[in-house]
Amino acid sequence: MLRRLVGAFDRSAAIVACALVVALLVDVSLGALTRSLGDPLIWTDELARFLMVWLAVAGWIIASRKRLHVRIRYFHDLLPARAHRSVELAIQLAMALFGALIVVYGTGLVAKNRDLEATTLPIAMAWMYVPLLPAGAVTFVQAIRELVTAFTLPPSGRSGAEEAE
């Protein structure tokens, strides 16, 4: 049941990312077309900024879920097994804290910008910060999941998949 829910979340994130790419493409094309015709739509630039933020956060979520985020492991992998595991635990604890702080501070940003309207769009500026909430939550949950995995690693301190890399 949980795997299906997680799979559905991952598929939904991919669909949202694709929809955001299409929306951004349409918006930027519309802006360029109307500018070339001499009657630019001024709201297309601001909408593109909103869409870029949402798209970047969707990419963050997808990369976190697929473990494709940038991680330089050169020095980490040189450590002996115990130190490797300790560093991994510290990294995952720091990531969990980071995710929790993103949610807390993102909630504050959404609340503070709820009454502030965008310059050319009839929406609150809070929508610029809303994507921080799911991104922080996903970062937190993913870090906790990887923390549990790090606790259950074999004595070498590395999973079979990591050793194959």
Protein backbone atom coordinates (compact mmCIF):
# COMPACT_ATOMS: atom_id res chain seq x y z
CA MET A 1 0.00 0.00 0.00
CA LEU A 2 2.76 2.43 0.98
CA ARG A 3 4.76 1.57 -2.16
CA ARG A 4 1.74 2.34 -4.33
CA LEU A 5 1.26 5.65 -2.57
CA VAL A 6 4.94 6.55 -3.00
CA GLY A 7 4.83 5.44 -6.65
CA ALA A 8 1.73 7.57 -7.24
CA PHE A 9 3.47 10.55 -5.62
CA ASP A 10 6.54 10.09 -7.84
CA ARG A 11 4.40 9.81 -10.98
CA SER A 12 2.39 12.88 -9.92
CA ALA A 13 5.58 14.88 -9.40
CA ALA A 14 6.76 13.93 -12.90
CA ILE A 15 3.40 14.88 -14.42
CA VAL A 16 3.41 18.22 -12.60
CA ALA A 17 6.97 18.89 -13.80
CA CYS A 18 5.98 18.11 -17.40
CA ALA A 19 2.91 20.36 -17.13
CA LEU A 20 5.08 23.16 -15.74
CA VAL A 21 7.56 22.81 -18.61
CA VAL A 22 4.72 23.03 -21.14
CA ALA A 23 3.14 26.01 -19.34
CA LEU A 24 6.51 27.79 -19.21
CA LEU A 25 7.12 27.11 -22.90
CA VAL A 26 3.68 28.43 -23.85
CA ASP A 27 4.08 31.49 -21.61
CA VAL A 28 7.53 32.44 -22.90
CA SER A 29 6.46 31.82 -26.52
CA LEU A 30 3.38 33.98 -26.04
CA GLY A 31 5.51 36.73 -24.52
CA ALA A 32 8.02 36.59 -27.38
CA LEU A 33 5.27 36.51 -30.02
CA THR A 34 3.37 39.48 -28.60
CA ARG A 35 6.61 41.45 -28.21
CA SER A 36 7.52 40.79 -31.84
CA LEU A 37 4.05 42.00 -32.90
CA GLY A 38 4.63 45.28 -31.03
CA ASP A 39 1.95 44.72 -28.36
CA PRO A 40 3.64 42.81 -25.52
CA LEU A 41 1.69 41.12 -22.76
CA ILE A 42 3.43 42.43 -19.64
CA TRP A 43 2.25 39.61 -17.37
CA THR A 44 4.14 36.88 -19.27
CA ASP A 45 7.48 37.79 -17.65
CA GLU A 46 6.09 37.60 -14.13
CA LEU A 47 4.24 34.36 -14.85
CA ALA A 48 7.50 32.91 -16.23
CA ARG A 49 9.22 33.75 -12.92
CA PHE A 50 6.50 31.95 -10.95
CA LEU A 51 6.64 28.94 -13.28
CA MET A 52 10.45 28.79 -13.08
CA VAL A 53 10.34 28.67 -9.27
CA TRP A 54 7.70 25.94 -9.32
CA LEU A 55 9.63 24.00 -11.97
CA ALA A 56 12.90 24.26 -10.06
CA VAL A 57 11.22 22.95 -6.92
CA ALA A 58 9.56 20.13 -8.87
CA GLY A 59 13.02 19.20 -10.14
CA TRP A 60 14.34 19.32 -6.57
CA ILE A 61 11.59 16.94 -5.43
CA ILE A 62 12.14 14.53 -8.32
CA ALA A 63 15.92 14.55 -7.88
CA SER A 64 15.58 13.95 -4.15
CA ARG A 65 13.18 11.07 -4.64
CA LYS A 66 15.39 9.41 -7.27
CA ARG A 67 18.58 10.17 -5.33
CA LEU A 68 19.92 12.11 -8.32
CA HIS A 69 20.90 15.22 -6.39
CA VAL A 70 24.49 16.39 -6.50
CA ARG A 71 26.56 14.62 -3.92
CA ILE A 72 30.34 14.54 -3.96
CA ARG A 73 31.40 11.37 -2.22
CA TYR A 74 35.12 11.22 -2.96
CA PHE A 75 36.37 11.97 0.56
CA HIS A 76 33.42 10.29 2.21
CA ASP A 77 34.21 7.03 0.43
CA LEU A 78 37.85 7.15 1.58
CA LEU A 79 36.78 6.88 5.22
CA PRO A 80 36.89 3.62 7.17
CA ALA A 81 33.52 1.86 7.64
CA ARG A 82 32.67 3.29 11.08
CA ALA A 83 33.59 6.85 10.12
CA HIS A 84 31.75 6.44 6.79
CA ARG A 85 28.57 5.42 8.63
CA SER A 86 28.94 8.23 11.18
CA VAL A 87 29.40 10.84 8.46
CA GLU A 88 26.43 9.43 6.53
CA LEU A 89 24.26 9.65 9.64
CA ALA A 90 25.37 13.23 10.24
CA ILE A 91 24.64 14.17 6.62
CA GLN A 92 21.16 12.66 6.76
CA LEU A 93 20.41 14.33 10.11
CA ALA A 94 21.52 17.65 8.62
CA MET A 95 19.29 17.06 5.57
CA ALA A 96 16.32 16.23 7.81
CA LEU A 97 16.92 19.44 9.77
CA PHE A 98 17.27 21.39 6.51
CA GLY A 99 13.94 19.98 5.23
CA ALA A 100 12.18 20.82 8.50
CA LEU A 101 13.59 24.36 8.48
CA ILE A 102 12.50 24.86 4.87
CA VAL A 103 8.93 23.92 5.88
CA VAL A 104 8.98 26.19 8.95
CA TYR A 105 10.47 29.22 7.23
CA GLY A 106 8.54 28.57 4.01
CA THR A 107 5.30 28.63 6.02
CA GLY A 108 6.36 32.00 7.41
CA LEU A 109 7.13 33.34 3.94
CA VAL A 110 3.77 32.17 2.61
CA ALA A 111 1.98 33.82 5.54
CA LYS A 112 3.90 37.11 5.18
CA ASN A 113 3.24 37.33 1.43
CA ARG A 114 -0.38 36.26 1.49
CA ASP A 115 -1.65 39.86 1.34
CA LEU A 116 0.92 41.11 -1.17
CA GLU A 117 -0.31 40.95 -4.76
CA ALA A 118 1.97 40.27 -7.71
CA THR A 119 2.73 43.29 -9.89
CA THR A 120 1.07 42.18 -13.14
CA LEU A 121 -0.92 39.10 -12.08
CA PRO A 122 -4.00 39.00 -9.86
CA ILE A 123 -2.45 36.46 -7.46
CA ALA A 124 -0.72 36.71 -4.11
CA MET A 125 3.07 36.66 -3.98
CA ALA A 126 2.67 33.83 -1.47
CA TRP A 127 2.34 31.48 -4.47
CA MET A 128 6.03 32.12 -5.16
CA TYR A 129 6.86 30.44 -1.84
CA VAL A 130 4.22 27.71 -1.65
CA PRO A 131 6.41 25.11 -3.41
CA LEU A 132 8.90 25.32 -0.54
CA LEU A 133 6.44 23.44 1.67
CA PRO A 134 6.26 20.17 -0.28
CA ALA A 135 9.97 20.43 -1.15
CA GLY A 136 10.93 20.77 2.50
CA ALA A 137 8.58 17.95 3.49
CA VAL A 138 9.97 15.64 0.80
CA THR A 139 13.54 16.53 1.80
CA PHE A 140 12.74 15.76 5.43
CA VAL A 141 11.01 12.44 4.71
CA GLN A 142 13.69 11.35 2.24
CA ALA A 143 16.45 12.17 4.75
CA ILE A 144 14.67 10.17 7.46
CA ARG A 145 14.30 7.26 5.05
CA GLU A 146 17.99 7.40 4.16
CA LEU A 147 18.87 7.76 7.84
CA VAL A 148 17.06 4.50 8.55
CA THR A 149 18.85 2.90 5.58
CA ALA A 150 22.22 4.15 6.89
CA PHE A 151 21.49 2.53 10.26
CA THR A 152 20.81 -0.80 8.55
CA LEU A 153 23.81 -0.78 6.18
CA PRO A 154 26.14 -3.77 6.18
CA PRO A 155 29.34 -3.49 8.26
CA SER A 156 31.27 -2.09 5.28
CA GLY A 157 29.23 1.08 5.70
CA ARG A 158 28.09 1.06 2.08
CA SER A 159 25.11 -0.52 0.40
CA GLY A 160 25.66 -2.92 -2.50
CA ALA A 161 24.37 -0.32 -4.95
CA GLU A 162 26.81 2.30 -3.66
CA GLU A 163 29.76 -0.07 -3.90
CA ALA A 164 28.85 -0.85 -7.52
CA GLU A 165 29.05 2.85 -8.46
